[in-house]
Amino acid sequence: MGRGPACRKSKAIGGVPPGNLHSYAMMSAAPAPTPVSPPSTASAGAAVLAAFLGWTLDAFDFFLVAFALTAIAKDFHTTDAAIALSITVTLAFRPVGAFIFGLL
């Protein structure tokens, strides 16, 4: 008694038989997928190129300063170690500045 197909139809919730209720709930709780597509505009490509060139020129600037360390120290009438320390402190505080200005 109470186990036949007629009983299952009578206890259906929202038109879903009790045997399929769990899988129906799992399917309806899933979020809709967000479509992700690659950038297709010319401005997106230009932004990537600009970011790459900025990164490249920043690295180039750092190496120029490192190669010209002795000449810079002479111009400022100080030692190579003092200039190297100032470069090290500058590079060490870059993430701090990025974090602070990233919050703004």
Protein backbone atom coordinates (compact mmCIF):
# COMPACT_ATOMS: atom_id res chain seq x y z
CA MET A 1 0.00 0.00 0.00
CA GLY A 2 1.25 3.44 -0.85
CA ARG A 3 4.14 2.25 -3.05
CA GLY A 4 2.61 2.07 -6.47
CA PRO A 5 2.71 4.57 -9.34
CA ALA A 6 -0.63 6.06 -8.33
CA CYS A 7 0.75 6.97 -4.91
CA ARG A 8 3.82 8.62 -6.39
CA LYS A 9 1.68 10.81 -8.61
CA SER A 10 -0.48 11.85 -5.71
CA LYS A 11 2.52 12.94 -3.59
CA ALA A 12 4.26 14.84 -6.37
CA ILE A 13 5.55 18.27 -5.43
CA GLY A 14 5.35 20.85 -8.17
CA GLY A 15 4.79 18.17 -10.78
CA VAL A 16 8.03 16.36 -9.87
CA PRO A 17 7.67 12.79 -8.58
CA PRO A 18 9.25 12.16 -5.14
CA GLY A 19 11.92 9.89 -6.62
CA ASN A 20 13.28 12.76 -8.73
CA LEU A 21 12.84 15.57 -6.20
CA HIS A 22 16.49 15.59 -5.06
CA SER A 23 17.93 15.76 -8.57
CA TYR A 24 15.38 18.42 -9.54
CA ALA A 25 16.39 20.55 -6.53
CA MET A 26 20.07 20.16 -7.42
CA MET A 27 19.46 21.24 -11.00
CA SER A 28 17.39 24.29 -10.07
CA ALA A 29 19.93 25.49 -7.45
CA ALA A 30 22.80 25.69 -9.95
CA PRO A 31 23.67 29.25 -11.03
CA ALA A 32 23.49 30.15 -14.66
CA PRO A 33 26.90 30.04 -16.36
CA THR A 34 28.49 33.38 -17.15
CA PRO A 35 29.64 33.56 -20.75
CA VAL A 36 33.31 34.50 -21.07
CA SER A 37 34.57 35.67 -24.39
CA PRO A 38 37.96 37.02 -25.39
CA PRO A 39 38.23 40.75 -26.02
CA SER A 40 37.25 41.43 -29.58
CA THR A 41 37.64 45.17 -29.86
CA ALA A 42 40.67 47.05 -31.09
CA SER A 43 40.74 49.12 -27.90
CA ALA A 44 41.24 45.99 -25.78
CA GLY A 45 44.24 44.99 -27.89
CA ALA A 46 45.63 48.50 -27.60
CA ALA A 47 45.25 48.36 -23.81
CA VAL A 48 47.16 45.07 -23.65
CA LEU A 49 49.90 46.51 -25.87
CA ALA A 50 50.13 49.67 -23.75
CA ALA A 51 50.38 47.62 -20.55
CA PHE A 52 53.12 45.45 -22.06
CA LEU A 53 55.08 48.47 -23.27
CA GLY A 54 54.74 50.13 -19.86
CA TRP A 55 56.05 47.03 -18.13
CA THR A 56 58.90 46.71 -20.63
CA LEU A 57 59.96 50.34 -20.31
CA ASP A 58 59.78 50.14 -16.51
CA ALA A 59 62.15 47.16 -16.54
CA PHE A 60 64.39 48.98 -19.03
CA ASP A 61 64.49 52.03 -16.75
CA PHE A 62 65.49 49.88 -13.78
CA PHE A 63 68.35 48.26 -15.69
CA LEU A 64 69.58 51.62 -16.98
CA VAL A 65 69.80 52.90 -13.40
CA ALA A 66 71.59 49.71 -12.32
CA PHE A 67 74.11 49.97 -15.18
CA ALA A 68 74.72 53.67 -14.56
CA LEU A 69 75.02 53.30 -10.78
CA THR A 70 78.62 54.54 -10.55
CA ALA A 71 77.97 57.58 -12.75
CA ILE A 72 74.88 58.48 -10.72
CA ALA A 73 76.84 58.16 -7.47
CA LYS A 74 79.52 60.51 -8.83
CA ASP A 75 76.93 63.09 -9.90
CA PHE A 76 75.37 63.09 -6.43
CA HIS A 77 78.76 62.96 -4.66
CA THR A 78 77.93 59.80 -2.74
CA THR A 79 78.92 56.14 -2.70
CA ASP A 80 77.66 53.34 -4.91
CA ALA A 81 76.31 51.61 -1.80
CA ALA A 82 74.12 54.61 -0.88
CA ILE A 83 72.62 54.73 -4.37
CA ALA A 84 72.11 50.95 -4.37
CA LEU A 85 70.37 51.21 -0.97
CA SER A 86 68.06 53.94 -2.27
CA ILE A 87 67.14 51.76 -5.27
CA THR A 88 66.53 48.78 -2.97
CA VAL A 89 64.29 50.79 -0.64
CA THR A 90 62.38 52.17 -3.62
CA LEU A 91 61.76 48.68 -5.01
CA ALA A 92 60.88 47.29 -1.57
CA PHE A 93 58.15 49.89 -1.07
CA ARG A 94 56.58 49.50 -4.51
CA PRO A 95 54.08 46.87 -3.31
CA VAL A 96 53.17 49.07 -0.34
CA GLY A 97 52.40 51.98 -2.65
CA ALA A 98 50.50 49.73 -5.02
CA PHE A 99 48.38 48.44 -2.15
CA ILE A 100 47.66 51.90 -0.72
CA PHE A 101 46.84 53.53 -4.06
CA GLY A 102 44.95 50.42 -5.15
CA LEU A 103 42.55 50.99 -2.28
CA LEU A 104 41.79 54.56 -3.41
